[in-house]
Every structure is written in structure tokens, then in C-alpha cells.
Amino acid sequence: MSKNFDRLVEIMGRLRGEDGCPWDRKQTRESLKPYLIEEAYEVLEAIDEKDAKKLREELGDLLYQILFHAQISKEGGEFDIEDILTTSSEKMVRRHPHVFGDVKAENAEEVLRQWEAIKKTEKGEERKSIMEGVPAHLPALLRAHQLQARAARVGFDWEHVDQVFSKVKEEMTEFEEAFRSKDRQEMESELGDLLFALVNIGRFIEVNPEDALRKSISRFISRFRYIEEEIAKQGWEWGEVSLEEMEMLWQEAKRLEKNRRE
């Protein structure tokens, strides 16, 4: 075991100990849930920013959350970090027979099929549906992507991306019809179907929709901040700036963004 890893485990134990930190000692599995999610998303942000230094730090914060849960479980006499490491090691070896055994896998698709088959035997009972096992708490776009991928593995899928584009157009037409009908329940339903079809395009072209939307949000924030900065430089107030002027600044922000990438 790494000395640094052992040191971090030791620090966690001390913080939760009798003379440790009041805040750390107060935490429970439930209270830590938001921090676990927050740290995971901060890791994603560091990856998007291609910032190795920030990524190193955020991965450390995420690891700390795992150690936190391990320590709580250790105190409850359930398991500790060693049990987690052992379980994970055994699982990875078991699920990669094409690496650690004599099973052959020619490509990533075959690996996925083997992975699913092995998971079924591990559970001790057959799943009632291939849709089971995708966490309900995943962000909606990511969950849609995962569920579509599950269905595709058993052949329930389009043959070509052009068919998915046609489906998007169909769903857009149905959404427009729902909008004109002023039926809010129908509008919600059709908007959901449209988003679901767009996720399918992302899956076909191997673009994660959650990543794509998160990056679009980041670009929106960056461009809007540019508008704010330019308005402030001119000494203007929001009410003094027309939509056309804001659009010009928006396009300017896009050009600067493109120049930085090139």
C-alpha cells in the first residue's frame, strides 16, 4: 500500500476520532451525499478545462469522500477501506477474463457483452429487465443515454444515424403541434420525446449528451460575462442596451472564443 494512501486513511480516522474535528464527527452517510456528487462534478469540470493541476486536487477531494464513507462503515462494524479495495480488485479481475483469463474479446463491443453477462451471474438472480441497474439518480440526459445503450446491446436500435435525424424531425413536428394546442401536459411529453431523440443522436456519434450540454452551459456563461464586462466598460446600464447590441457583443465573444481555440 502507498504510504501517502495510508497517511490519508490515518488522517480520516483521526478526524472522526474522539479528539477529532466536530464537523467531521457529525457527518453521516446521508449528510455526505451532496458533497460526493459535488466533488464528482468538480472532477468533470477540471477534465473539461484540461487543467491537470486542478484535476489532481479534485480527484483527491473525491477520494477523500470515499474514505469518509469507508470510515463511517468501519465505525459501524460493516467494512473498511481494505474491504473496498479487495472487492474492487476481485471484481475487475473477474470482469476482465479476456485480460486475466483465457477468454477472447476482439473489440470493445464484445467486452461490453461479456461484462453484462458476468454481472448477471454475480447478482445470483436474473434481472427482470435489461433496463434495471441504471441508477435512477443519474442526471436525466445521462440516464437516457445509458438506457438507450442498454437497449441497443440486444438489437433494439436504429441502423443508421439518418434514421435518428428523421426521428428528431418527427418529434419536433409533434412538439410544435402540442405547443399550438396549448396542452401543457402534451407539450411536456413531446418535449421529453424530442430531448430523448437528441440524446440518441449523441449516442450514435459517440458524444455524451451530458458532457455536451455542460460545455454549452460553460460557453453561455463565458459569453454572457463578456457582454456584462463590455457593458460595464462603457458605463451603461442594462436598460440602455438594446437586444441588437447585446447580440453583437455575443457574436464578438464567439469570435474571440474561436480565435483562442485556433
C-alpha atoms as a PDB file:
ATOM      1  CA  MET A   1       0.000   0.000   0.000  1.00  0.00           C
ATOM      2  CA  SER A   2       1.174   3.560  -0.717  1.00  0.00           C
ATOM      3  CA  LYS A   3       2.475   5.453   2.299  1.00  0.00           C
ATOM      4  CA  ASN A   4       0.560   8.525   1.181  1.00  0.00           C
ATOM      5  CA  PHE A   5      -2.647   6.497   0.909  1.00  0.00           C
ATOM      6  CA  ASP A   6      -2.103   5.030   4.367  1.00  0.00           C
ATOM      7  CA  ARG A   7      -1.454   8.534   5.680  1.00  0.00           C
ATOM      8  CA  LEU A   8      -4.735   9.802   4.246  1.00  0.00           C
ATOM      9  CA  VAL A   9      -6.639   6.882   5.791  1.00  0.00           C
ATOM     10  CA  GLU A  10      -4.943   7.695   9.111  1.00  0.00           C
ATOM     11  CA  ILE A  11      -5.936  11.367   8.829  1.00  0.00           C
ATOM     12  CA  MET A  12      -9.538  10.375   8.148  1.00  0.00           C
ATOM     13  CA  GLY A  13      -9.577   8.155  11.205  1.00  0.00           C
ATOM     14  CA  ARG A  14      -8.170  10.900  13.396  1.00  0.00           C
ATOM     15  CA  LEU A  15     -10.663  13.489  12.156  1.00  0.00           C
ATOM     16  CA  ARG A  16     -13.509  11.116  13.057  1.00  0.00           C
ATOM     17  CA  GLY A  17     -11.883  10.153  16.361  1.00  0.00           C
ATOM     18  CA  GLU A  18     -12.736  11.253  19.873  1.00  0.00           C
ATOM     19  CA  ASP A  19     -10.425  14.280  19.745  1.00  0.00           C
ATOM     20  CA  GLY A  20     -11.034  14.932  16.076  1.00  0.00           C
ATOM     21  CA  CYS A  21     -12.978  17.568  14.147  1.00  0.00           C
ATOM     22  CA  PRO A  22     -16.528  18.305  15.389  1.00  0.00           C
ATOM     23  CA  TRP A  23     -17.790  18.777  11.818  1.00  0.00           C
ATOM     24  CA  ASP A  24     -16.266  15.524  10.521  1.00  0.00           C
ATOM     25  CA  ARG A  25     -17.534  13.582  13.530  1.00  0.00           C
ATOM     26  CA  LYS A  26     -21.058  14.895  12.971  1.00  0.00           C
ATOM     27  CA  GLN A  27     -21.350  13.672   9.382  1.00  0.00           C
ATOM     28  CA  THR A  28     -23.434  10.687   8.309  1.00  0.00           C
ATOM     29  CA  ARG A  29     -23.857   8.830   5.039  1.00  0.00           C
ATOM     30  CA  GLU A  30     -26.930  10.914   4.305  1.00  0.00           C
ATOM     31  CA  SER A  31     -25.325  14.262   5.113  1.00  0.00           C
ATOM     32  CA  LEU A  32     -22.337  13.467   2.872  1.00  0.00           C
ATOM     33  CA  LYS A  33     -24.390  12.662  -0.240  1.00  0.00           C
ATOM     34  CA  PRO A  34     -24.370  16.243  -1.643  1.00  0.00           C
ATOM     35  CA  TYR A  35     -20.588  16.515  -1.168  1.00  0.00           C
ATOM     36  CA  LEU A  36     -19.976  13.243  -3.017  1.00  0.00           C
ATOM     37  CA  ILE A  37     -21.973  14.495  -6.009  1.00  0.00           C
ATOM     38  CA  GLU A  38     -20.385  17.953  -5.846  1.00  0.00           C
ATOM     39  CA  GLU A  39     -16.844  16.554  -5.823  1.00  0.00           C
ATOM     40  CA  ALA A  40     -17.608  14.259  -8.766  1.00  0.00           C
ATOM     41  CA  TYR A  41     -18.823  17.210 -10.820  1.00  0.00           C
ATOM     42  CA  GLU A  42     -15.778  19.267  -9.870  1.00  0.00           C
ATOM     43  CA  VAL A  43     -13.644  16.449 -11.282  1.00  0.00           C
ATOM     44  CA  LEU A  44     -15.630  16.663 -14.533  1.00  0.00           C
ATOM     45  CA  GLU A  45     -15.125  20.431 -14.622  1.00  0.00           C
ATOM     46  CA  ALA A  46     -11.355  20.027 -14.245  1.00  0.00           C
ATOM     47  CA  ILE A  47     -11.342  17.477 -17.087  1.00  0.00           C
ATOM     48  CA  ASP A  48     -13.318  19.862 -19.318  1.00  0.00           C
ATOM     49  CA  GLU A  49     -10.878  22.666 -18.527  1.00  0.00           C
ATOM     50  CA  LYS A  50      -7.905  20.367 -19.288  1.00  0.00           C
ATOM     51  CA  ASP A  51      -6.326  21.614 -16.065  1.00  0.00           C
ATOM     52  CA  ALA A  52      -4.050  18.829 -14.760  1.00  0.00           C
ATOM     53  CA  LYS A  53      -3.234  20.622 -11.506  1.00  0.00           C
ATOM     54  CA  LYS A  54      -6.901  21.227 -10.728  1.00  0.00           C
ATOM     55  CA  LEU A  55      -7.770  17.648 -11.722  1.00  0.00           C
ATOM     56  CA  ARG A  56      -5.159  16.264  -9.326  1.00  0.00           C
ATOM     57  CA  GLU A  57      -6.685  18.282  -6.499  1.00  0.00           C
ATOM     58  CA  GLU A  58     -10.287  17.414  -7.328  1.00  0.00           C
ATOM     59  CA  LEU A  59      -9.530  13.697  -7.637  1.00  0.00           C
ATOM     60  CA  GLY A  60      -8.017  13.931  -4.165  1.00  0.00           C
ATOM     61  CA  ASP A  61     -11.202  15.540  -2.849  1.00  0.00           C
ATOM     62  CA  LEU A  62     -13.299  12.793  -4.448  1.00  0.00           C
ATOM     63  CA  LEU A  63     -11.039  10.104  -2.962  1.00  0.00           C
ATOM     64  CA  TYR A  64     -11.447  11.759   0.436  1.00  0.00           C
ATOM     65  CA  GLN A  65     -15.224  11.353   0.173  1.00  0.00           C
ATOM     66  CA  ILE A  66     -14.782   7.630  -0.492  1.00  0.00           C
ATOM     67  CA  LEU A  67     -12.509   7.340   2.556  1.00  0.00           C
ATOM     68  CA  PHE A  68     -15.104   9.250   4.592  1.00  0.00           C
ATOM     69  CA  HIS A  69     -17.790   6.676   3.780  1.00  0.00           C
ATOM     70  CA  ALA A  70     -15.353   3.828   4.398  1.00  0.00           C
ATOM     71  CA  GLN A  71     -14.519   5.221   7.837  1.00  0.00           C
ATOM     72  CA  ILE A  72     -18.194   5.556   8.781  1.00  0.00           C
ATOM     73  CA  SER A  73     -18.750   1.934   7.736  1.00  0.00           C
ATOM     74  CA  LYS A  74     -15.702   0.823   9.692  1.00  0.00           C
ATOM     75  CA  GLU A  75     -17.065   2.506  12.824  1.00  0.00           C
ATOM     76  CA  GLY A  76     -20.328   0.639  12.307  1.00  0.00           C
ATOM     77  CA  GLY A  77     -18.515  -2.696  12.033  1.00  0.00           C
ATOM     78  CA  GLU A  78     -19.607  -3.211   8.418  1.00  0.00           C
ATOM     79  CA  PHE A  79     -16.479  -2.891   6.257  1.00  0.00           C
ATOM     80  CA  ASP A  80     -13.383  -0.722   5.854  1.00  0.00           C
ATOM     81  CA  ILE A  81     -11.264   0.661   3.019  1.00  0.00           C
ATOM     82  CA  GLU A  82      -9.321  -2.615   2.746  1.00  0.00           C
ATOM     83  CA  ASP A  83     -12.570  -4.486   2.091  1.00  0.00           C
ATOM     84  CA  ILE A  84     -13.467  -1.955  -0.604  1.00  0.00           C
ATOM     85  CA  LEU A  85     -10.085  -2.386  -2.304  1.00  0.00           C
ATOM     86  CA  THR A  86     -10.312  -6.174  -2.128  1.00  0.00           C
ATOM     87  CA  THR A  87     -13.841  -6.236  -3.533  1.00  0.00           C
ATOM     88  CA  SER A  88     -12.925  -3.875  -6.359  1.00  0.00           C
ATOM     89  CA  SER A  89      -9.768  -5.822  -7.274  1.00  0.00           C
ATOM     90  CA  GLU A  90     -11.619  -9.130  -7.346  1.00  0.00           C
ATOM     91  CA  LYS A  91     -14.425  -7.654  -9.430  1.00  0.00           C
ATOM     92  CA  MET A  92     -12.101  -6.112 -12.028  1.00  0.00           C
ATOM     93  CA  VAL A  93     -10.189  -9.374 -12.476  1.00  0.00           C
ATOM     94  CA  ARG A  94     -13.437 -11.367 -12.685  1.00  0.00           C
ATOM     95  CA  ARG A  95     -14.989  -8.999 -15.234  1.00  0.00           C
ATOM     96  CA  HIS A  96     -11.908  -8.959 -17.478  1.00  0.00           C
ATOM     97  CA  PRO A  97     -11.429 -12.640 -18.339  1.00  0.00           C
ATOM     98  CA  HIS A  98     -10.046 -11.537 -21.719  1.00  0.00           C
ATOM     99  CA  VAL A  99      -7.108 -10.000 -19.813  1.00  0.00           C
ATOM    100  CA  PHE A 100      -6.725 -12.204 -16.734  1.00  0.00           C
ATOM    101  CA  GLY A 101      -8.105 -15.451 -18.206  1.00  0.00           C
ATOM    102  CA  ASP A 102      -8.283 -17.307 -21.483  1.00  0.00           C
ATOM    103  CA  VAL A 103     -11.449 -15.697 -22.887  1.00  0.00           C
ATOM    104  CA  LYS A 104     -11.117 -13.792 -26.160  1.00  0.00           C
ATOM    105  CA  ALA A 105     -12.557 -10.335 -26.874  1.00  0.00           C
ATOM    106  CA  GLU A 106     -11.721  -8.760 -30.226  1.00  0.00           C
ATOM    107  CA  ASN A 107     -13.271  -5.332 -29.641  1.00  0.00           C
ATOM    108  CA  ALA A 108     -14.932  -3.036 -27.092  1.00  0.00           C
ATOM    109  CA  GLU A 109     -18.427  -4.262 -28.040  1.00  0.00           C
ATOM    110  CA  GLU A 110     -17.517  -7.853 -27.172  1.00  0.00           C
ATOM    111  CA  VAL A 111     -16.054  -6.654 -23.877  1.00  0.00           C
ATOM    112  CA  LEU A 112     -19.351  -4.946 -23.010  1.00  0.00           C
ATOM    113  CA  ARG A 113     -21.370  -8.058 -23.819  1.00  0.00           C
ATOM    114  CA  GLN A 114     -19.096 -10.168 -21.636  1.00  0.00           C
ATOM    115  CA  TRP A 115     -19.290  -7.555 -18.861  1.00  0.00           C
ATOM    116  CA  GLU A 116     -23.103  -7.688 -18.826  1.00  0.00           C
ATOM    117  CA  ALA A 117     -23.135 -11.490 -18.852  1.00  0.00           C
ATOM    118  CA  ILE A 118     -20.701 -11.651 -15.934  1.00  0.00           C
ATOM    119  CA  LYS A 119     -22.717  -9.083 -13.967  1.00  0.00           C
ATOM    120  CA  LYS A 120     -25.817 -11.265 -14.339  1.00  0.00           C
ATOM    121  CA  THR A 121     -24.051 -14.269 -12.822  1.00  0.00           C
ATOM    122  CA  GLU A 122     -22.709 -12.115  -9.966  1.00  0.00           C
ATOM    123  CA  LYS A 123     -26.151 -10.950  -8.892  1.00  0.00           C
ATOM    124  CA  GLY A 124     -27.304 -14.510  -8.195  1.00  0.00           C
ATOM    125  CA  GLU A 125     -30.644 -13.929  -9.904  1.00  0.00           C
ATOM    126  CA  GLU A 126     -31.745 -12.867 -13.328  1.00  0.00           C
ATOM    127  CA  ARG A 127     -32.799  -9.268 -13.768  1.00  0.00           C
ATOM    128  CA  LYS A 128     -36.425  -8.911 -14.789  1.00  0.00           C
ATOM    129  CA  SER A 129     -35.453  -6.230 -17.295  1.00  0.00           C
ATOM    130  CA  ILE A 130     -32.337  -5.122 -19.112  1.00  0.00           C
ATOM    131  CA  MET A 131     -33.342  -1.609 -18.013  1.00  0.00           C
ATOM    132  CA  GLU A 132     -32.529  -2.481 -14.397  1.00  0.00           C
ATOM    133  CA  GLY A 133     -29.205  -1.378 -12.965  1.00  0.00           C
ATOM    134  CA  VAL A 134     -29.095   2.151 -14.390  1.00  0.00           C
ATOM    135  CA  PRO A 135     -29.232   4.424 -11.311  1.00  0.00           C
ATOM    136  CA  ALA A 136     -32.433   6.455 -11.059  1.00  0.00           C
ATOM    137  CA  HIS A 137     -30.498   9.381  -9.577  1.00  0.00           C
ATOM    138  CA  LEU A 138     -28.355   9.934 -12.669  1.00  0.00           C
ATOM    139  CA  PRO A 139     -28.899  13.273 -14.451  1.00  0.00           C
ATOM    140  CA  ALA A 140     -31.733  12.771 -16.949  1.00  0.00           C
ATOM    141  CA  LEU A 141     -29.644  13.174 -20.113  1.00  0.00           C
ATOM    142  CA  LEU A 142     -27.018  10.728 -18.897  1.00  0.00           C
ATOM    143  CA  ARG A 143     -29.658   8.234 -17.755  1.00  0.00           C
ATOM    144  CA  ALA A 144     -31.384   8.415 -21.144  1.00  0.00           C
ATOM    145  CA  HIS A 145     -28.039   7.768 -22.841  1.00  0.00           C
ATOM    146  CA  GLN A 146     -27.326   4.751 -20.629  1.00  0.00           C
ATOM    147  CA  LEU A 147     -30.788   3.246 -21.101  1.00  0.00           C
ATOM    148  CA  GLN A 148     -30.609   3.647 -24.872  1.00  0.00           C
ATOM    149  CA  ALA A 149     -27.216   1.939 -24.880  1.00  0.00           C
ATOM    150  CA  ARG A 150     -28.655  -0.958 -22.850  1.00  0.00           C
ATOM    151  CA  ALA A 151     -31.478  -1.430 -25.380  1.00  0.00           C
ATOM    152  CA  ALA A 152     -29.039  -1.224 -28.290  1.00  0.00           C
ATOM    153  CA  ARG A 153     -26.987  -4.119 -26.898  1.00  0.00           C
ATOM    154  CA  VAL A 154     -29.892  -6.505 -27.539  1.00  0.00           C
ATOM    155  CA  GLY A 155     -30.601  -5.114 -31.017  1.00  0.00           C
ATOM    156  CA  PHE A 156     -33.318  -2.558 -30.208  1.00  0.00           C
ATOM    157  CA  ASP A 157     -31.721   0.255 -32.152  1.00  0.00           C
ATOM    158  CA  TRP A 158     -31.707   2.230 -35.371  1.00  0.00           C
ATOM    159  CA  GLU A 159     -29.438   1.008 -38.139  1.00  0.00           C
ATOM    160  CA  HIS A 160     -28.158   4.426 -39.235  1.00  0.00           C
ATOM    161  CA  VAL A 161     -27.896   7.905 -37.746  1.00  0.00           C
ATOM    162  CA  ASP A 162     -30.024   9.315 -40.613  1.00  0.00           C
ATOM    163  CA  GLN A 163     -32.975   7.415 -39.140  1.00  0.00           C
ATOM    164  CA  VAL A 164     -32.378   9.147 -35.825  1.00  0.00           C
ATOM    165  CA  PHE A 165     -32.274  12.560 -37.519  1.00  0.00           C
ATOM    166  CA  SER A 166     -35.641  11.716 -39.101  1.00  0.00           C
ATOM    167  CA  LYS A 167     -36.964  10.793 -35.669  1.00  0.00           C
ATOM    168  CA  VAL A 168     -35.800  14.140 -34.282  1.00  0.00           C
ATOM    169  CA  LYS A 169     -37.662  15.970 -37.067  1.00  0.00           C
ATOM    170  CA  GLU A 170     -40.759  13.892 -36.349  1.00  0.00           C
ATOM    171  CA  GLU A 171     -40.587  14.680 -32.627  1.00  0.00           C
ATOM    172  CA  MET A 172     -40.014  18.378 -33.353  1.00  0.00           C
ATOM    173  CA  THR A 173     -43.163  18.449 -35.502  1.00  0.00           C
ATOM    174  CA  GLU A 174     -45.152  16.734 -32.762  1.00  0.00           C
ATOM    175  CA  PHE A 175     -43.812  19.194 -30.191  1.00  0.00           C
ATOM    176  CA  GLU A 176     -44.838  22.142 -32.369  1.00  0.00           C
ATOM    177  CA  GLU A 177     -48.330  20.652 -32.725  1.00  0.00           C
ATOM    178  CA  ALA A 178     -48.554  20.227 -28.945  1.00  0.00           C
ATOM    179  CA  PHE A 179     -47.450  23.847 -28.492  1.00  0.00           C
ATOM    180  CA  ARG A 180     -50.167  25.077 -30.862  1.00  0.00           C
ATOM    181  CA  SER A 181     -52.766  23.003 -28.994  1.00  0.00           C
ATOM    182  CA  LYS A 182     -51.817  24.811 -25.735  1.00  0.00           C
ATOM    183  CA  ASP A 183     -51.987  21.465 -23.919  1.00  0.00           C
ATOM    184  CA  ARG A 184     -49.243  21.787 -21.298  1.00  0.00           C
ATOM    185  CA  GLN A 185     -49.193  18.104 -20.418  1.00  0.00           C
ATOM    186  CA  GLU A 186     -48.818  17.198 -24.089  1.00  0.00           C
ATOM    187  CA  MET A 187     -46.106  19.850 -24.539  1.00  0.00           C
ATOM    188  CA  GLU A 188     -44.121  18.360 -21.650  1.00  0.00           C
ATOM    189  CA  SER A 189     -44.496  14.874 -23.077  1.00  0.00           C
ATOM    190  CA  GLU A 190     -43.423  15.874 -26.592  1.00  0.00           C
ATOM    191  CA  LEU A 191     -40.510  17.984 -25.338  1.00  0.00           C
ATOM    192  CA  GLY A 192     -39.291  14.948 -23.418  1.00  0.00           C
ATOM    193  CA  ASP A 193     -39.545  12.799 -26.538  1.00  0.00           C
ATOM    194  CA  LEU A 194     -37.607  15.407 -28.530  1.00  0.00           C
ATOM    195  CA  LEU A 195     -34.820  15.522 -25.954  1.00  0.00           C
ATOM    196  CA  PHE A 196     -34.731  11.727 -25.860  1.00  0.00           C
ATOM    197  CA  ALA A 197     -34.300  11.611 -29.647  1.00  0.00           C
ATOM    198  CA  LEU A 198     -31.485  14.175 -29.475  1.00  0.00           C
ATOM    199  CA  VAL A 199     -29.731  12.033 -26.875  1.00  0.00           C
ATOM    200  CA  ASN A 200     -29.934   9.158 -29.356  1.00  0.00           C
ATOM    201  CA  ILE A 201     -28.056  11.198 -31.960  1.00  0.00           C
ATOM    202  CA  GLY A 202     -25.349  11.879 -29.402  1.00  0.00           C
ATOM    203  CA  ARG A 203     -25.057   8.159 -28.710  1.00  0.00           C
ATOM    204  CA  PHE A 204     -24.740   7.376 -32.419  1.00  0.00           C
ATOM    205  CA  ILE A 205     -21.939   9.892 -32.959  1.00  0.00           C
ATOM    206  CA  GLU A 206     -20.321   8.977 -29.604  1.00  0.00           C
ATOM    207  CA  VAL A 207     -20.907  12.353 -27.975  1.00  0.00           C
ATOM    208  CA  ASN A 208     -22.058  12.185 -24.368  1.00  0.00           C
ATOM    209  CA  PRO A 209     -25.129  14.477 -24.161  1.00  0.00           C
ATOM    210  CA  GLU A 210     -24.472  15.368 -20.520  1.00  0.00           C
ATOM    211  CA  ASP A 211     -20.936  16.493 -21.367  1.00  0.00           C
ATOM    212  CA  ALA A 212     -22.157  18.365 -24.449  1.00  0.00           C
ATOM    213  CA  LEU A 213     -24.802  20.307 -22.528  1.00  0.00           C
ATOM    214  CA  ARG A 214     -22.463  21.043 -19.617  1.00  0.00           C
ATOM    215  CA  LYS A 215     -19.897  22.513 -22.029  1.00  0.00           C
ATOM    216  CA  SER A 216     -22.601  24.556 -23.769  1.00  0.00           C
ATOM    217  CA  ILE A 217     -23.609  25.968 -20.389  1.00  0.00           C
ATOM    218  CA  SER A 218     -19.980  26.912 -19.694  1.00  0.00           C
ATOM    219  CA  ARG A 219     -19.752  28.672 -23.072  1.00  0.00           C
ATOM    220  CA  PHE A 220     -23.011  30.505 -22.398  1.00  0.00           C
ATOM    221  CA  ILE A 221     -21.715  31.750 -19.041  1.00  0.00           C
ATOM    222  CA  SER A 222     -18.393  32.845 -20.584  1.00  0.00           C
ATOM    223  CA  ARG A 223     -20.076  34.727 -23.442  1.00  0.00           C
ATOM    224  CA  PHE A 224     -22.638  36.359 -21.172  1.00  0.00           C
ATOM    225  CA  ARG A 225     -19.883  37.513 -18.821  1.00  0.00           C
ATOM    226  CA  TYR A 226     -18.164  39.095 -21.821  1.00  0.00           C
ATOM    227  CA  ILE A 227     -21.361  41.038 -22.531  1.00  0.00           C
ATOM    228  CA  GLU A 228     -21.506  42.136 -18.878  1.00  0.00           C
ATOM    229  CA  GLU A 229     -17.870  43.271 -18.955  1.00  0.00           C
ATOM    230  CA  GLU A 230     -18.289  45.244 -22.170  1.00  0.00           C
ATOM    231  CA  ILE A 231     -21.429  46.948 -20.881  1.00  0.00           C
ATOM    232  CA  ALA A 232     -19.595  47.860 -17.667  1.00  0.00           C
ATOM    233  CA  LYS A 233     -16.633  49.256 -19.653  1.00  0.00           C
ATOM    234  CA  GLN A 234     -18.985  51.613 -21.488  1.00  0.00           C
ATOM    235  CA  GLY A 235     -20.608  52.694 -18.236  1.00  0.00           C
ATOM    236  CA  TRP A 236     -24.027  51.568 -19.484  1.00  0.00           C
ATOM    237  CA  GLU A 237     -26.962  50.157 -17.579  1.00  0.00           C
ATOM    238  CA  TRP A 238     -28.827  47.070 -18.782  1.00  0.00           C
ATOM    239  CA  GLY A 239     -31.901  49.098 -19.694  1.00  0.00           C
ATOM    240  CA  GLU A 240     -29.802  51.255 -22.040  1.00  0.00           C
ATOM    241  CA  VAL A 241     -28.594  48.345 -24.160  1.00  0.00           C
ATOM    242  CA  SER A 242     -30.744  47.008 -26.980  1.00  0.00           C
ATOM    243  CA  LEU A 243     -31.111  43.338 -27.828  1.00  0.00           C
ATOM    244  CA  GLU A 244     -29.316  44.015 -31.143  1.00  0.00           C
ATOM    245  CA  GLU A 245     -26.315  45.495 -29.297  1.00  0.00           C
ATOM    246  CA  MET A 246     -26.206  42.535 -26.921  1.00  0.00           C
ATOM    247  CA  GLU A 247     -26.340  40.154 -29.894  1.00  0.00           C
ATOM    248  CA  MET A 248     -23.373  41.974 -31.472  1.00  0.00           C
ATOM    249  CA  LEU A 249     -21.392  41.531 -28.252  1.00  0.00           C
ATOM    250  CA  TRP A 250     -22.439  37.875 -28.121  1.00  0.00           C
ATOM    251  CA  GLN A 251     -21.112  37.281 -31.638  1.00  0.00           C
ATOM    252  CA  GLU A 252     -17.913  39.118 -30.728  1.00  0.00           C
ATOM    253  CA  ALA A 253     -17.474  36.826 -27.729  1.00  0.00           C
ATOM    254  CA  LYS A 254     -17.936  33.806 -30.006  1.00  0.00           C
ATOM    255  CA  ARG A 255     -15.273  35.081 -32.418  1.00  0.00           C
ATOM    256  CA  LEU A 256     -12.790  35.645 -29.604  1.00  0.00           C
ATOM    257  CA  GLU A 257     -13.556  32.171 -28.268  1.00  0.00           C
ATOM    258  CA  LYS A 258     -12.913  30.648 -31.692  1.00  0.00           C
ATOM    259  CA  ASN A 259      -9.635  32.563 -32.093  1.00  0.00           C
ATOM    260  CA  ARG A 260      -8.418  31.240 -28.724  1.00  0.00           C
ATOM    261  CA  ARG A 261      -9.090  27.669 -29.879  1.00  0.00           C
ATOM    262  CA  GLU A 262      -7.207  28.117 -33.168  1.00  0.00           C
END
